[in-house]
Amino acid sequence: MKSFQVAIASVVFTMAALASSAALAQQPRGNATLSGKIVDDAGQPVAEAVVVALMVGQTEPVSATTDKKGEWRIKNLAEGQWRLEITKDGLETAKQVIEIRNNKVPPVNTTMTKAVAKADPSVEINTAVAQAAELAQGGKIAEARKIYEDLLVKYPTVYQLEGLIARTYAVENQIPKAMEHLKIALDKDPANVDLKILQADLMMEAGDKPGAKAILDGIDITQVKDPFPFINAAIVTINEGKGDEAAAALTKLLTQFPMQNEIYYYRGRAYVAAKKYDEAKADLDKFVALAPTAKETADAKKILDQLPKK
């Protein structure tokens, strides 16, 4: 932050140096001189500090830079109030208001203290979130949620915490509470794919299957990390007797998750619903070969046995 402030001050000083006569011409001139000395908190002179002076009511500043002794001087100033801002990389910015009367003002001596590095809040947040995730994996959902809630009180602008809180309520099947926090996160980041998938999951749990499907249909499949919400949506479509539609959705999903064997099983079921038995047999045979010990394998074999024989 200090380097940013110094950069601003340097620009002001450079502009003032390039057009000092124009700057002074645009504001009241006078015979007063502001001067002073700047030292650090150890009493040592601060060289190359930038002193920017701006008369109250004016828009053009004048500037000076301290010498090796920490001294500075600005001449030809009019009477009135002047705001001073002194910057130096590594030191806290010093500000004060000086009143010039009768063209006289005592030396402005300033002590600049060392800038205190501000802790990066992301370190604390990431550490706490990792701790909460570990608690959640151990089944301590309420404890995990308390960590997120405490972080949100301390960092209210970190809206991503609302999404994490929503997930803890979803695990506990507290759908209304989960939706309440999820809405806050989505209002801040409506294009977030993970949040939209969670929204669809919650809507599915709440019985709004058409609404959930509409959300999933609008998501770019290449941005998806978890196929199961889409598999669940396909199951709903299969149960509605829309085999071709479900098969098309699962084919699309398979391009993104070619190693997800369950997709072959559900697409096989979709083809059965669409009465495309050859395609169903190919998918179900492939699933049995790829996942002989999966929980769906027995059902896949049963469906294969029941398929019409040529």
Protein backbone atom coordinates (compact mmCIF):
# COMPACT_ATOMS: atom_id res chain seq x y z
CA MET A 1 0.00 0.00 0.00
CA LYS A 2 2.83 2.41 0.84
CA SER A 3 4.63 1.79 -2.44
CA PHE A 4 1.34 2.60 -4.20
CA GLN A 5 1.08 5.87 -2.29
CA VAL A 6 4.70 6.72 -3.09
CA ALA A 7 4.05 6.03 -6.76
CA ILE A 8 1.15 8.50 -6.69
CA ALA A 9 3.27 11.09 -4.93
CA SER A 10 6.10 10.58 -7.41
CA VAL A 11 3.74 11.22 -10.30
CA VAL A 12 2.52 14.39 -8.60
CA PHE A 13 6.09 15.52 -8.03
CA THR A 14 7.14 14.78 -11.60
CA MET A 15 4.21 16.70 -13.02
CA ALA A 16 4.93 19.59 -10.68
CA ALA A 17 8.59 19.62 -11.69
CA LEU A 18 7.74 19.65 -15.40
CA ALA A 19 5.22 22.47 -15.03
CA SER A 20 6.16 24.26 -11.81
CA SER A 21 5.85 27.72 -13.29
CA ALA A 22 2.39 26.91 -14.67
CA ALA A 23 1.30 25.44 -11.35
CA LEU A 24 2.39 28.49 -9.42
CA ALA A 25 0.76 30.74 -11.97
CA GLN A 26 -2.59 29.04 -11.41
CA GLN A 27 -2.64 29.56 -7.67
CA PRO A 28 -2.03 32.65 -5.50
CA ARG A 29 1.65 33.51 -5.20
CA GLY A 30 3.19 34.83 -2.06
CA ASN A 31 6.42 35.42 -0.22
CA ALA A 32 6.15 32.64 2.34
CA THR A 33 8.46 29.67 2.48
CA LEU A 34 7.68 26.29 3.94
CA SER A 35 10.66 24.31 5.11
CA GLY A 36 11.45 21.54 7.47
CA LYS A 37 13.42 18.47 8.31
CA ILE A 38 12.34 14.84 8.28
CA VAL A 39 13.86 12.15 10.45
CA ASP A 40 12.94 8.54 11.11
CA ASP A 41 11.99 7.15 14.52
CA ALA A 42 15.68 6.57 15.23
CA GLY A 43 16.39 10.29 14.66
CA GLN A 44 18.22 9.71 11.38
CA PRO A 45 17.62 12.08 8.42
CA VAL A 46 15.27 10.75 5.76
CA ALA A 47 16.62 11.52 2.31
CA GLU A 48 14.54 11.48 -0.89
CA ALA A 49 11.22 11.73 0.90
CA VAL A 50 8.58 13.45 -1.23
CA VAL A 51 6.80 16.45 0.29
CA VAL A 52 3.61 17.45 -1.54
CA ALA A 53 1.91 20.72 -0.53
CA LEU A 54 -1.59 21.64 -1.67
CA MET A 55 -3.31 24.90 -0.72
CA VAL A 56 -6.86 24.40 0.54
CA GLY A 57 -9.26 25.30 -2.27
CA GLN A 58 -6.65 24.82 -5.00
CA THR A 59 -6.03 21.87 -7.32
CA GLU A 60 -2.39 22.26 -8.28
CA PRO A 61 0.16 20.95 -5.78
CA VAL A 62 3.77 21.95 -5.36
CA SER A 63 6.48 19.57 -4.26
CA ALA A 64 9.95 19.13 -2.90
CA THR A 65 12.30 16.26 -2.12
CA THR A 66 14.43 16.04 0.99
CA ASP A 67 18.21 16.20 0.68
CA LYS A 68 20.76 14.01 2.43
CA LYS A 69 20.17 15.92 5.66
CA GLY A 70 16.43 15.24 5.45
CA GLU A 71 15.74 18.93 4.78
CA TRP A 72 13.30 20.40 2.29
CA ARG A 73 12.04 23.85 1.20
CA ILE A 74 9.18 25.22 -0.91
CA LYS A 75 9.18 28.95 -1.76
CA ASN A 76 6.74 31.57 -3.06
CA LEU A 77 3.70 30.33 -1.18
CA ALA A 78 0.61 32.43 -0.45
CA GLU A 79 -0.94 32.86 2.95
CA GLY A 80 -3.61 30.36 3.95
CA GLN A 81 -3.99 26.73 4.86
CA TRP A 82 -1.74 24.15 3.23
CA ARG A 83 -2.07 20.38 3.39
CA LEU A 84 1.20 18.50 3.49
CA GLU A 85 1.66 14.84 2.63
CA ILE A 86 5.08 13.29 3.08
CA THR A 87 5.86 9.87 1.63
CA LYS A 88 8.86 7.59 1.63
CA ASP A 89 8.98 3.94 0.73
CA GLY A 90 9.12 1.79 3.87
CA LEU A 91 7.79 4.54 6.15
CA GLU A 92 4.26 5.48 7.17
CA THR A 93 2.86 8.46 5.24
CA ALA A 94 2.81 11.66 7.32
CA LYS A 95 0.05 14.24 6.87
CA GLN A 96 -0.59 17.60 8.48
CA VAL A 97 -2.15 21.02 7.86
CA ILE A 98 -0.01 24.15 8.06
CA GLU A 99 -1.38 27.68 8.47
CA ILE A 100 0.65 30.49 6.87
CA ARG A 101 -0.02 33.96 8.35
CA ASN A 102 2.00 37.15 7.81
CA ASN A 103 4.22 35.16 5.47
CA LYS A 104 5.72 33.42 8.44
CA VAL A 105 5.63 29.81 9.54
CA PRO A 106 8.04 27.91 11.79
CA PRO A 107 10.03 24.98 10.36
CA VAL A 108 7.94 21.86 9.88
CA ASN A 109 9.88 19.07 11.52
CA THR A 110 8.46 15.60 11.01
CA THR A 111 9.28 12.17 12.39
CA MET A 112 8.30 9.28 10.12
CA THR A 113 7.80 5.85 11.62
CA LYS A 114 8.56 2.54 10.00
CA ALA A 115 5.66 1.14 8.00
CA VAL A 116 4.09 -1.88 9.63
CA ALA A 117 3.56 -4.72 7.20
CA LYS A 118 -0.07 -5.76 7.19
CA ALA A 119 -0.77 -9.43 7.48
CA ASP A 120 -2.23 -11.09 4.41
CA PRO A 121 -5.76 -12.18 5.45
CA SER A 122 -5.73 -14.92 2.80
CA VAL A 123 -3.22 -16.87 4.88
CA GLU A 124 -5.54 -16.91 7.90
CA ILE A 125 -8.58 -17.64 5.76
CA ASN A 126 -6.98 -20.51 3.85
CA THR A 127 -5.63 -22.06 7.04
CA ALA A 128 -9.01 -21.88 8.75
CA VAL A 129 -10.85 -23.22 5.70
CA ALA A 130 -8.46 -26.19 5.53
CA GLN A 131 -9.12 -26.87 9.22
CA ALA A 132 -12.87 -26.69 8.65
CA ALA A 133 -12.64 -29.06 5.69
CA GLU A 134 -10.81 -31.58 7.84
CA LEU A 135 -13.51 -31.32 10.51
CA ALA A 136 -16.24 -31.77 7.91
CA GLN A 137 -14.55 -34.86 6.51
CA GLY A 138 -14.54 -36.26 10.03
CA GLY A 139 -18.28 -35.69 10.32
CA LYS A 140 -18.01 -32.61 12.52
CA ILE A 141 -20.21 -30.49 10.29
CA ALA A 142 -21.43 -28.00 12.90
CA GLU A 143 -17.86 -27.33 14.05
CA ALA A 144 -16.74 -26.76 10.49
CA ARG A 145 -19.63 -24.37 9.92
CA LYS A 146 -18.71 -22.39 13.06
CA ILE A 147 -15.26 -21.75 11.61
CA TYR A 148 -16.78 -20.45 8.38
CA GLU A 149 -19.24 -18.28 10.29
CA ASP A 150 -16.52 -16.79 12.50
CA LEU A 151 -14.42 -16.00 9.42
CA LEU A 152 -17.40 -14.34 7.77
CA VAL A 153 -17.89 -12.06 10.79
CA LYS A 154 -14.23 -11.02 10.56
CA TYR A 155 -14.13 -10.82 6.75
CA PRO A 156 -17.70 -9.98 5.65
CA THR A 157 -16.67 -9.29 2.05
CA VAL A 158 -15.41 -12.85 1.50
CA TYR A 159 -18.72 -14.04 0.08
CA GLN A 160 -17.24 -17.44 -0.87
CA LEU A 161 -17.66 -18.38 2.78
CA GLU A 162 -21.44 -18.22 2.26
CA GLY A 163 -21.12 -21.02 -0.26
CA LEU A 164 -19.12 -23.13 2.20
CA ILE A 165 -21.70 -22.53 4.91
CA ALA A 166 -24.40 -23.57 2.44
CA ARG A 167 -22.59 -26.86 1.81
CA THR A 168 -22.51 -27.70 5.51
CA TYR A 169 -26.27 -27.21 5.73
CA ALA A 170 -26.70 -29.31 2.57
CA VAL A 171 -24.78 -32.18 4.18
CA GLU A 172 -27.19 -31.99 7.13
CA ASN A 173 -30.11 -31.91 4.67
CA GLN A 174 -31.17 -28.49 5.95
CA ILE A 175 -32.20 -27.40 2.47
CA PRO A 176 -33.87 -24.02 3.30
CA LYS A 177 -30.84 -22.87 5.34
CA ALA A 178 -28.47 -24.06 2.63
CA MET A 179 -30.44 -22.17 -0.03
CA GLU A 180 -30.46 -19.03 2.12
CA HIS A 181 -26.66 -18.86 2.25
CA LEU A 182 -26.22 -20.07 -1.30
CA LYS A 183 -28.39 -17.23 -2.62
CA ILE A 184 -26.07 -14.68 -1.01
CA ALA A 185 -23.04 -16.27 -2.68
CA LEU A 186 -24.78 -16.53 -6.06
CA ASP A 187 -25.90 -12.90 -5.90
CA LYS A 188 -22.22 -11.97 -5.67
CA ASP A 189 -20.99 -14.50 -8.23
CA PRO A 190 -23.90 -15.62 -10.45
CA ALA A 191 -21.65 -17.30 -13.03
CA ASN A 192 -19.89 -19.56 -10.52
CA VAL A 193 -20.30 -23.10 -11.89
CA ASP A 194 -19.75 -24.89 -8.56
CA LEU A 195 -22.37 -22.75 -6.85
CA LYS A 196 -24.87 -23.30 -9.66
CA ILE A 197 -24.36 -27.05 -9.46
CA LEU A 198 -24.92 -26.92 -5.70
CA GLN A 199 -28.08 -24.91 -6.35
CA ALA A 200 -29.30 -27.59 -8.75
CA ASP A 201 -28.52 -30.31 -6.19
CA LEU A 202 -30.51 -28.49 -3.52
CA MET A 203 -33.42 -27.91 -5.86
CA MET A 204 -33.40 -31.59 -6.77
CA GLU A 205 -33.50 -32.51 -3.08
CA ALA A 206 -36.35 -30.06 -2.55
CA GLY A 207 -38.35 -31.73 -5.32
CA ASP A 208 -37.93 -29.04 -7.97
CA LYS A 209 -36.51 -31.41 -10.57
CA PRO A 210 -37.46 -29.29 -13.63
CA GLY A 211 -35.82 -26.24 -12.08
CA ALA A 212 -32.67 -28.19 -11.24
CA LYS A 213 -32.48 -29.59 -14.76
CA ALA A 214 -32.91 -26.13 -16.26
CA ILE A 215 -29.91 -24.89 -14.29
CA LEU A 216 -27.74 -27.86 -15.25
CA ASP A 217 -28.72 -27.53 -18.92
CA GLY A 218 -27.40 -23.97 -18.89
CA ILE A 219 -23.95 -24.90 -17.56
CA ASP A 220 -20.94 -25.26 -19.84
CA ILE A 221 -20.04 -28.93 -19.39
CA THR A 222 -16.34 -28.22 -19.98
CA GLN A 223 -16.31 -26.22 -16.73
CA VAL A 224 -17.75 -29.07 -14.66
CA LYS A 225 -15.63 -30.97 -12.13
CA ASP A 226 -18.24 -33.33 -10.68
CA PRO A 227 -20.39 -35.44 -13.06
CA PHE A 228 -22.83 -36.82 -10.49
CA PRO A 229 -25.33 -33.93 -10.40
CA PHE A 230 -25.64 -34.36 -14.16
CA ILE A 231 -25.99 -38.12 -13.82
CA ASN A 232 -28.77 -37.55 -11.27
CA ALA A 233 -30.50 -35.19 -13.69
CA ALA A 234 -30.22 -37.84 -16.42
CA ILE A 235 -31.79 -40.43 -14.10
CA VAL A 236 -34.77 -38.10 -13.62
CA THR A 237 -35.07 -37.76 -17.40
CA ILE A 238 -34.89 -41.56 -17.83
CA ASN A 239 -37.61 -42.05 -15.24
CA GLU A 240 -39.75 -39.59 -17.18
CA GLY A 241 -39.44 -41.88 -20.19
CA LYS A 242 -37.26 -39.45 -22.17
CA GLY A 243 -34.57 -41.96 -23.11
CA ASP A 244 -33.20 -40.16 -26.16
CA GLU A 245 -32.86 -36.90 -24.25
CA ALA A 246 -31.09 -38.60 -21.35
CA ALA A 247 -28.78 -40.52 -23.70
CA ALA A 248 -27.79 -37.30 -25.48
CA ALA A 249 -27.02 -35.58 -22.17
CA LEU A 250 -24.94 -38.53 -20.97
CA THR A 251 -23.03 -38.70 -24.26
CA LYS A 252 -22.11 -35.06 -23.77
CA LEU A 253 -21.09 -35.79 -20.18
CA LEU A 254 -18.94 -38.71 -21.30
CA THR A 255 -16.79 -36.43 -23.46
CA GLN A 256 -15.87 -34.51 -20.31
CA PHE A 257 -15.52 -37.58 -18.06
CA PRO A 258 -14.38 -40.46 -20.28
CA MET A 259 -13.11 -42.46 -17.29
CA GLN A 260 -16.40 -42.27 -15.36
CA ASN A 261 -17.66 -45.81 -15.95
CA GLU A 262 -21.09 -45.20 -14.40
CA ILE A 263 -22.01 -43.04 -17.38
CA TYR A 264 -22.03 -46.12 -19.61
CA TYR A 265 -24.43 -47.86 -17.22
CA TYR A 266 -26.89 -44.96 -17.12
CA ARG A 267 -26.63 -44.31 -20.84
CA GLY A 268 -27.39 -48.01 -21.36
CA ARG A 269 -30.54 -47.54 -19.27
CA ALA A 270 -31.40 -44.44 -21.28
CA TYR A 271 -31.11 -46.43 -24.52
CA VAL A 272 -33.39 -49.10 -23.05
CA ALA A 273 -35.98 -46.40 -22.32
CA ALA A 274 -35.59 -45.21 -25.92
CA LYS A 275 -35.95 -48.81 -27.16
CA LYS A 276 -32.50 -48.64 -28.78
CA TYR A 277 -31.48 -52.08 -27.62
CA ASP A 278 -28.30 -52.50 -29.65
CA GLU A 279 -26.88 -49.28 -28.20
CA ALA A 280 -28.07 -50.31 -24.74
CA LYS A 281 -26.35 -53.71 -24.98
CA ALA A 282 -23.06 -52.10 -26.15
CA ASP A 283 -23.01 -49.66 -23.23
CA LEU A 284 -24.04 -52.20 -20.59
CA ASP A 285 -21.52 -54.78 -21.83
CA LYS A 286 -18.79 -52.15 -21.71
CA PHE A 287 -19.79 -51.10 -18.19
CA VAL A 288 -19.71 -54.72 -16.90
CA ALA A 289 -16.27 -55.22 -18.46
CA LEU A 290 -14.89 -51.96 -17.03
CA ALA A 291 -16.47 -52.20 -13.56
CA PRO A 292 -17.11 -55.85 -12.68
CA THR A 293 -17.36 -55.11 -8.95
CA ALA A 294 -19.41 -51.89 -9.08
CA LYS A 295 -22.69 -51.77 -7.19
CA GLU A 296 -24.60 -51.24 -10.46
CA THR A 297 -23.01 -54.25 -12.17
CA ALA A 298 -25.57 -56.80 -10.99
CA ASP A 299 -28.39 -54.60 -12.26
CA ALA A 300 -26.58 -54.11 -15.58
CA LYS A 301 -26.30 -57.89 -16.03
CA LYS A 302 -29.98 -58.29 -15.21
CA ILE A 303 -30.95 -55.70 -17.83
CA LEU A 304 -28.71 -57.42 -20.39
CA ASP A 305 -30.48 -60.72 -19.73
CA GLN A 306 -33.85 -59.08 -20.27
CA LEU A 307 -32.98 -57.32 -23.53
CA PRO A 308 -34.84 -58.64 -26.57
CA LYS A 309 -32.86 -61.32 -28.39
CA LYS A 310 -32.32 -61.09 -32.10
